C-alpha atoms as a PDB file:
ATOM      1  CA  UNK A   1      -2.529  33.411   3.903  1.00  0.00           C
ATOM      2  CA  UNK A   2      -1.682  29.689   2.684  1.00  0.00           C
ATOM      3  CA  UNK A   3       1.996  29.411   2.099  1.00  0.00           C
ATOM      4  CA  UNK A   4       4.113  26.436   1.857  1.00  0.00           C
ATOM      5  CA  UNK A   5       7.932  27.414   1.253  1.00  0.00           C
ATOM      6  CA  UNK A   6      10.543  24.873   0.380  1.00  0.00           C
ATOM      7  CA  UNK A   7      14.303  25.518   0.745  1.00  0.00           C
ATOM      8  CA  UNK A   8      17.700  23.711   0.968  1.00  0.00           C
ATOM      9  CA  UNK A   9      17.970  22.469  -2.615  1.00  0.00           C
ATOM     10  CA  UNK A  10      21.359  22.645  -4.560  1.00  0.00           C
ATOM     11  CA  UNK A  11      23.839  20.825  -6.429  1.00  0.00           C
ATOM     12  CA  UNK A  12      25.679  17.917  -4.789  1.00  0.00           C
ATOM     13  CA  UNK A  13      27.935  14.898  -5.650  1.00  0.00           C
ATOM     14  CA  UNK A  14      26.414  11.496  -5.833  1.00  0.00           C
ATOM     15  CA  UNK A  15      26.933  10.067  -2.229  1.00  0.00           C
ATOM     16  CA  UNK A  16      26.350  13.582  -0.752  1.00  0.00           C
ATOM     17  CA  UNK A  17      23.459  14.679   1.394  1.00  0.00           C
ATOM     18  CA  UNK A  18      20.946  17.714   1.344  1.00  0.00           C
ATOM     19  CA  UNK A  19      18.357  18.645   3.742  1.00  0.00           C
ATOM     20  CA  UNK A  20      15.068  20.239   2.155  1.00  0.00           C
ATOM     21  CA  UNK A  21      12.880  22.264   4.509  1.00  0.00           C
ATOM     22  CA  UNK A  22       9.168  23.193   4.324  1.00  0.00           C
ATOM     23  CA  UNK A  23       7.831  26.135   6.473  1.00  0.00           C
ATOM     24  CA  UNK A  24       4.165  25.948   6.496  1.00  0.00           C
ATOM     25  CA  UNK A  25       1.381  28.164   7.577  1.00  0.00           C
ATOM     26  CA  UNK A  26       0.315  27.280  11.217  1.00  0.00           C
ATOM     27  CA  UNK A  27      -3.081  26.301   9.977  1.00  0.00           C
ATOM     28  CA  UNK A  28      -2.004  23.991   7.467  1.00  0.00           C
ATOM     29  CA  UNK A  29       0.821  22.560   9.536  1.00  0.00           C
ATOM     30  CA  UNK A  30      -1.791  21.499  12.324  1.00  0.00           C
ATOM     31  CA  UNK A  31      -4.601  20.021  10.082  1.00  0.00           C
ATOM     32  CA  UNK A  32      -2.849  18.458   6.853  1.00  0.00           C
ATOM     33  CA  UNK A  33      -0.576  15.313   6.266  1.00  0.00           C
ATOM     34  CA  UNK A  34       2.673  16.659   4.418  1.00  0.00           C
ATOM     35  CA  UNK A  35       4.453  14.915   1.684  1.00  0.00           C
ATOM     36  CA  UNK A  36       7.192  15.369  -0.420  1.00  0.00           C
ATOM     37  CA  UNK A  37       7.006  14.984  -4.111  1.00  0.00           C
ATOM     38  CA  UNK A  38       9.206  15.281  -6.975  1.00  0.00           C
ATOM     39  CA  UNK A  39       9.340  15.645 -10.709  1.00  0.00           C
ATOM     40  CA  UNK A  40      12.168  15.155 -13.051  1.00  0.00           C
ATOM     41  CA  UNK A  41      11.886  16.457 -16.881  1.00  0.00           C
ATOM     42  CA  UNK A  42       9.636  14.545 -18.543  1.00  0.00           C
ATOM     43  CA  UNK A  43       8.347  12.344 -15.539  1.00  0.00           C
ATOM     44  CA  UNK A  44       5.098  12.393 -13.545  1.00  0.00           C
ATOM     45  CA  UNK A  45       5.212  13.750 -10.150  1.00  0.00           C
ATOM     46  CA  UNK A  46       5.693  11.240  -7.588  1.00  0.00           C
ATOM     47  CA  UNK A  47       5.828  10.647  -3.859  1.00  0.00           C
ATOM     48  CA  UNK A  48       8.836  10.708  -1.977  1.00  0.00           C
ATOM     49  CA  UNK A  49       8.035  10.775   1.695  1.00  0.00           C
ATOM     50  CA  UNK A  50       5.190  11.498   3.763  1.00  0.00           C
ATOM     51  CA  UNK A  51       4.284  11.930   7.291  1.00  0.00           C
ATOM     52  CA  UNK A  52       0.918  12.266   9.032  1.00  0.00           C
ATOM     53  CA  UNK A  53       0.217  14.691  11.897  1.00  0.00           C
ATOM     54  CA  UNK A  54       0.521  11.834  14.103  1.00  0.00           C
ATOM     55  CA  UNK A  55       3.946  11.227  12.971  1.00  0.00           C
ATOM     56  CA  UNK A  56       3.390   8.162  10.793  1.00  0.00           C
ATOM     57  CA  UNK A  57       5.882   8.039   7.712  1.00  0.00           C
ATOM     58  CA  UNK A  58       5.833   6.522   4.084  1.00  0.00           C
ATOM     59  CA  UNK A  59       8.405   6.405   1.699  1.00  0.00           C
ATOM     60  CA  UNK A  60       8.877   5.303  -1.925  1.00  0.00           C
ATOM     61  CA  UNK A  61      10.923   2.325  -2.460  1.00  0.00           C
ATOM     62  CA  UNK A  62      13.653   3.986  -4.381  1.00  0.00           C
ATOM     63  CA  UNK A  63      14.394   6.062  -1.501  1.00  0.00           C
ATOM     64  CA  UNK A  64      13.965   3.999   1.512  1.00  0.00           C
ATOM     65  CA  UNK A  65      17.075   3.854   3.754  1.00  0.00           C
ATOM     66  CA  UNK A  66      18.489   7.036   2.313  1.00  0.00           C
ATOM     67  CA  UNK A  67      15.700   9.526   3.131  1.00  0.00           C
ATOM     68  CA  UNK A  68      14.222  10.349   6.442  1.00  0.00           C
ATOM     69  CA  UNK A  69      11.107  12.888   6.649  1.00  0.00           C
ATOM     70  CA  UNK A  70      10.549  14.359   9.962  1.00  0.00           C
ATOM     71  CA  UNK A  71       8.480  17.437  11.425  1.00  0.00           C
ATOM     72  CA  UNK A  72       8.897  20.087  14.059  1.00  0.00           C
ATOM     73  CA  UNK A  73       5.560  21.007  15.454  1.00  0.00           C
ATOM     74  CA  UNK A  74       7.146  24.072  17.221  1.00  0.00           C
ATOM     75  CA  UNK A  75       8.461  25.416  14.016  1.00  0.00           C
ATOM     76  CA  UNK A  76       5.781  24.359  11.702  1.00  0.00           C
ATOM     77  CA  UNK A  77       8.455  22.926   9.559  1.00  0.00           C
ATOM     78  CA  UNK A  78       8.616  19.392   7.491  1.00  0.00           C
ATOM     79  CA  UNK A  79      12.159  18.134   6.727  1.00  0.00           C
ATOM     80  CA  UNK A  80      13.439  15.698   4.119  1.00  0.00           C
ATOM     81  CA  UNK A  81      17.005  14.272   5.057  1.00  0.00           C
ATOM     82  CA  UNK A  82      18.473  12.971   1.898  1.00  0.00           C
ATOM     83  CA  UNK A  83      21.661  10.858   2.163  1.00  0.00           C
ATOM     84  CA  UNK A  84      23.671   9.014  -0.246  1.00  0.00           C
ATOM     85  CA  UNK A  85      22.036  10.749  -3.164  1.00  0.00           C
ATOM     86  CA  UNK A  86      22.142   9.519  -6.647  1.00  0.00           C
ATOM     87  CA  UNK A  87      21.868  10.791  -9.761  1.00  0.00           C
ATOM     88  CA  UNK A  88      18.280   9.355 -10.184  1.00  0.00           C
ATOM     89  CA  UNK A  89      17.392  11.406  -7.391  1.00  0.00           C
ATOM     90  CA  UNK A  90      17.678  14.713  -9.662  1.00  0.00           C
ATOM     91  CA  UNK A  91      14.529  16.448  -9.743  1.00  0.00           C
ATOM     92  CA  UNK A  92      12.382  19.534  -8.341  1.00  0.00           C
ATOM     93  CA  UNK A  93      11.037  18.752  -5.001  1.00  0.00           C
ATOM     94  CA  UNK A  94       7.869  19.900  -4.006  1.00  0.00           C
ATOM     95  CA  UNK A  95       6.118  20.200  -0.233  1.00  0.00           C
ATOM     96  CA  UNK A  96       2.621  19.244  -0.323  1.00  0.00           C
ATOM     97  CA  UNK A  97      -0.282  19.719   2.174  1.00  0.00           C
ATOM     98  CA  UNK A  98      -3.103  17.000   1.986  1.00  0.00           C
ATOM     99  CA  UNK A  99      -6.165  15.791   3.928  1.00  0.00           C
ATOM    100  CA  UNK A 100      -4.918  13.081   6.194  1.00  0.00           C
ATOM    101  CA  UNK A 101      -7.226  10.508   5.183  1.00  0.00           C
ATOM    102  CA  UNK A 102      -6.223  11.045   1.399  1.00  0.00           C
ATOM    103  CA  UNK A 103      -3.720   8.428  -0.322  1.00  0.00           C
ATOM    104  CA  UNK A 104      -0.162   9.405  -1.083  1.00  0.00           C
ATOM    105  CA  UNK A 105      -0.875  10.597  -4.435  1.00  0.00           C
ATOM    106  CA  UNK A 106      -0.065  14.183  -6.116  1.00  0.00           C
ATOM    107  CA  UNK A 107      -3.870  14.599  -6.995  1.00  0.00           C
ATOM    108  CA  UNK A 108      -4.629  14.449  -3.274  1.00  0.00           C
ATOM    109  CA  UNK A 109      -2.556  17.239  -2.280  1.00  0.00           C
ATOM    110  CA  UNK A 110      -4.695  20.320  -1.645  1.00  0.00           C
ATOM    111  CA  UNK A 111      -1.648  23.127  -1.187  1.00  0.00           C
ATOM    112  CA  UNK A 112       1.901  22.930  -3.048  1.00  0.00           C
ATOM    113  CA  UNK A 113       4.892  24.774  -2.339  1.00  0.00           C
ATOM    114  CA  UNK A 114       7.106  26.343  -5.335  1.00  0.00           C
ATOM    115  CA  UNK A 115       9.558  23.431  -5.258  1.00  0.00           C
ATOM    116  CA  UNK A 116      13.201  23.667  -5.146  1.00  0.00           C
ATOM    117  CA  UNK A 117      15.756  21.979  -7.276  1.00  0.00           C
ATOM    118  CA  UNK A 118      17.922  19.172  -6.573  1.00  0.00           C
ATOM    119  CA  UNK A 119      20.641  18.243  -8.517  1.00  0.00           C
ATOM    120  CA  UNK A 120      23.103  15.300  -8.037  1.00  0.00           C
ATOM    121  CA  UNK A 121      25.917  15.140 -10.491  1.00  0.00           C
ATOM    122  CA  UNK A 122      29.767  14.960 -10.446  1.00  0.00           C
END
Protein backbone atom coordinates (compact mmCIF):
# COMPACT_ATOMS: atom_id res chain seq x y z
CA UNK A 1 0.00 0.00 0.00
CA UNK A 2 1.35 3.40 -1.02
CA UNK A 3 0.67 5.91 1.70
CA UNK A 4 1.82 9.40 2.68
CA UNK A 5 0.16 10.86 5.75
CA UNK A 6 0.73 14.45 6.86
CA UNK A 7 0.07 15.83 10.31
CA UNK A 8 0.93 18.84 12.44
CA UNK A 9 -0.99 21.63 10.78
CA UNK A 10 -3.08 24.10 12.68
CA UNK A 11 -3.72 27.72 13.53
CA UNK A 12 -0.84 29.83 14.79
CA UNK A 13 -0.14 33.50 15.27
CA UNK A 14 2.35 35.36 13.10
CA UNK A 15 5.84 34.67 14.37
CA UNK A 16 4.84 31.30 15.73
CA UNK A 17 6.09 27.85 14.84
CA UNK A 18 4.72 24.54 13.63
CA UNK A 19 6.29 21.24 12.78
CA UNK A 20 4.72 19.18 10.03
CA UNK A 21 5.28 15.46 9.72
CA UNK A 22 4.87 13.16 6.76
CA UNK A 23 4.91 9.46 7.46
CA UNK A 24 5.65 7.48 4.33
CA UNK A 25 5.47 3.87 3.30
CA UNK A 26 8.89 2.31 3.70
CA UNK A 27 9.27 1.43 0.05
CA UNK A 28 8.44 4.99 -0.99
CA UNK A 29 10.69 6.59 1.58
CA UNK A 30 13.66 4.49 0.55
CA UNK A 31 13.31 5.17 -3.17
CA UNK A 32 12.00 8.69 -3.65
CA UNK A 33 13.02 12.18 -2.77
CA UNK A 34 10.53 13.93 -0.52
CA UNK A 35 9.17 17.41 -0.89
CA UNK A 36 6.82 19.74 0.89
CA UNK A 37 4.52 21.71 -1.38
CA UNK A 38 1.81 24.16 -0.51
CA UNK A 39 -1.26 25.56 -2.19
CA UNK A 40 -3.23 28.60 -1.17
CA UNK A 41 -6.71 29.36 -2.54
CA UNK A 42 -6.49 30.63 -6.10
CA UNK A 43 -2.79 29.86 -6.27
CA UNK A 44 -0.68 27.25 -7.99
CA UNK A 45 0.81 24.50 -5.91
CA UNK A 46 4.42 25.42 -5.22
CA UNK A 47 7.52 23.89 -3.74
CA UNK A 48 8.33 24.83 -0.17
CA UNK A 49 11.23 22.53 0.64
CA UNK A 50 12.66 19.24 -0.51
CA UNK A 51 15.17 16.66 0.58
CA UNK A 52 16.81 13.88 -1.39
CA UNK A 53 17.56 10.38 -0.18
CA UNK A 54 21.12 11.58 0.32
CA UNK A 55 20.08 14.50 2.51
CA UNK A 56 20.53 17.35 0.05
CA UNK A 57 17.96 20.08 0.71
CA UNK A 58 16.33 22.75 -1.37
CA UNK A 59 14.13 25.64 -0.26
CA UNK A 60 11.91 28.20 -1.83
CA UNK A 61 13.37 31.68 -1.46
CA UNK A 62 10.30 32.77 0.48
CA UNK A 63 10.97 30.32 3.31
CA UNK A 64 14.75 30.12 3.32
CA UNK A 65 16.10 30.76 6.78
CA UNK A 66 12.73 30.15 8.41
CA UNK A 67 11.85 26.57 7.45
CA UNK A 68 13.93 23.44 7.83
CA UNK A 69 13.26 20.11 6.17
CA UNK A 70 14.67 16.92 7.63
CA UNK A 71 14.14 13.20 7.46
CA UNK A 72 14.28 10.38 9.96
CA UNK A 73 15.15 7.21 8.10
CA UNK A 74 14.37 4.98 11.06
CA UNK A 75 10.82 6.31 11.20
CA UNK A 76 10.27 6.74 7.45
CA UNK A 77 9.21 10.29 8.22
CA UNK A 78 10.03 13.67 6.76
CA UNK A 79 9.54 16.85 8.78
CA UNK A 80 9.09 20.50 8.03
CA UNK A 81 9.97 22.77 10.92
CA UNK A 82 8.38 26.15 10.28
CA UNK A 83 9.51 29.13 12.34
CA UNK A 84 8.73 32.83 12.15
CA UNK A 85 5.51 32.08 10.35
CA UNK A 86 3.85 34.78 8.31
CA UNK A 87 0.30 35.23 7.11
CA UNK A 88 1.60 34.55 3.60
CA UNK A 89 2.49 31.01 4.69
CA UNK A 90 -1.19 30.15 5.05
CA UNK A 91 -1.96 27.23 2.75
CA UNK A 92 -2.62 23.55 2.58
CA UNK A 93 0.72 21.79 2.85
CA UNK A 94 1.24 18.57 0.95
CA UNK A 95 3.90 15.94 1.23
CA UNK A 96 5.02 14.54 -2.10
CA UNK A 97 7.31 11.74 -3.22
CA UNK A 98 9.11 12.03 -6.53
CA UNK A 99 11.95 10.39 -8.43
CA UNK A 100 15.27 11.77 -7.28
CA UNK A 101 16.31 12.80 -10.77
CA UNK A 102 13.27 14.98 -11.42
CA UNK A 103 12.98 18.71 -10.98
CA UNK A 104 11.37 20.14 -7.86
CA UNK A 105 8.01 20.77 -9.42
CA UNK A 106 4.51 19.56 -8.53
CA UNK A 107 4.20 17.85 -11.91
CA UNK A 108 7.08 15.55 -11.01
CA UNK A 109 5.48 14.25 -7.84
CA UNK A 110 4.51 10.61 -8.07
CA UNK A 111 2.60 10.26 -4.79
CA UNK A 112 0.81 12.86 -2.71
CA UNK A 113 -0.35 12.99 0.86
CA UNK A 114 -3.79 14.26 1.75
CA UNK A 115 -2.60 17.67 2.89
CA UNK A 116 -2.67 19.50 6.19
CA UNK A 117 -3.97 23.02 6.70
CA UNK A 118 -1.66 25.69 8.07
CA UNK A 119 -3.28 28.98 8.99
CA UNK A 120 -1.23 31.91 10.24
CA UNK A 121 -3.44 34.61 11.66
CA UNK A 122 -3.83 36.81 14.69
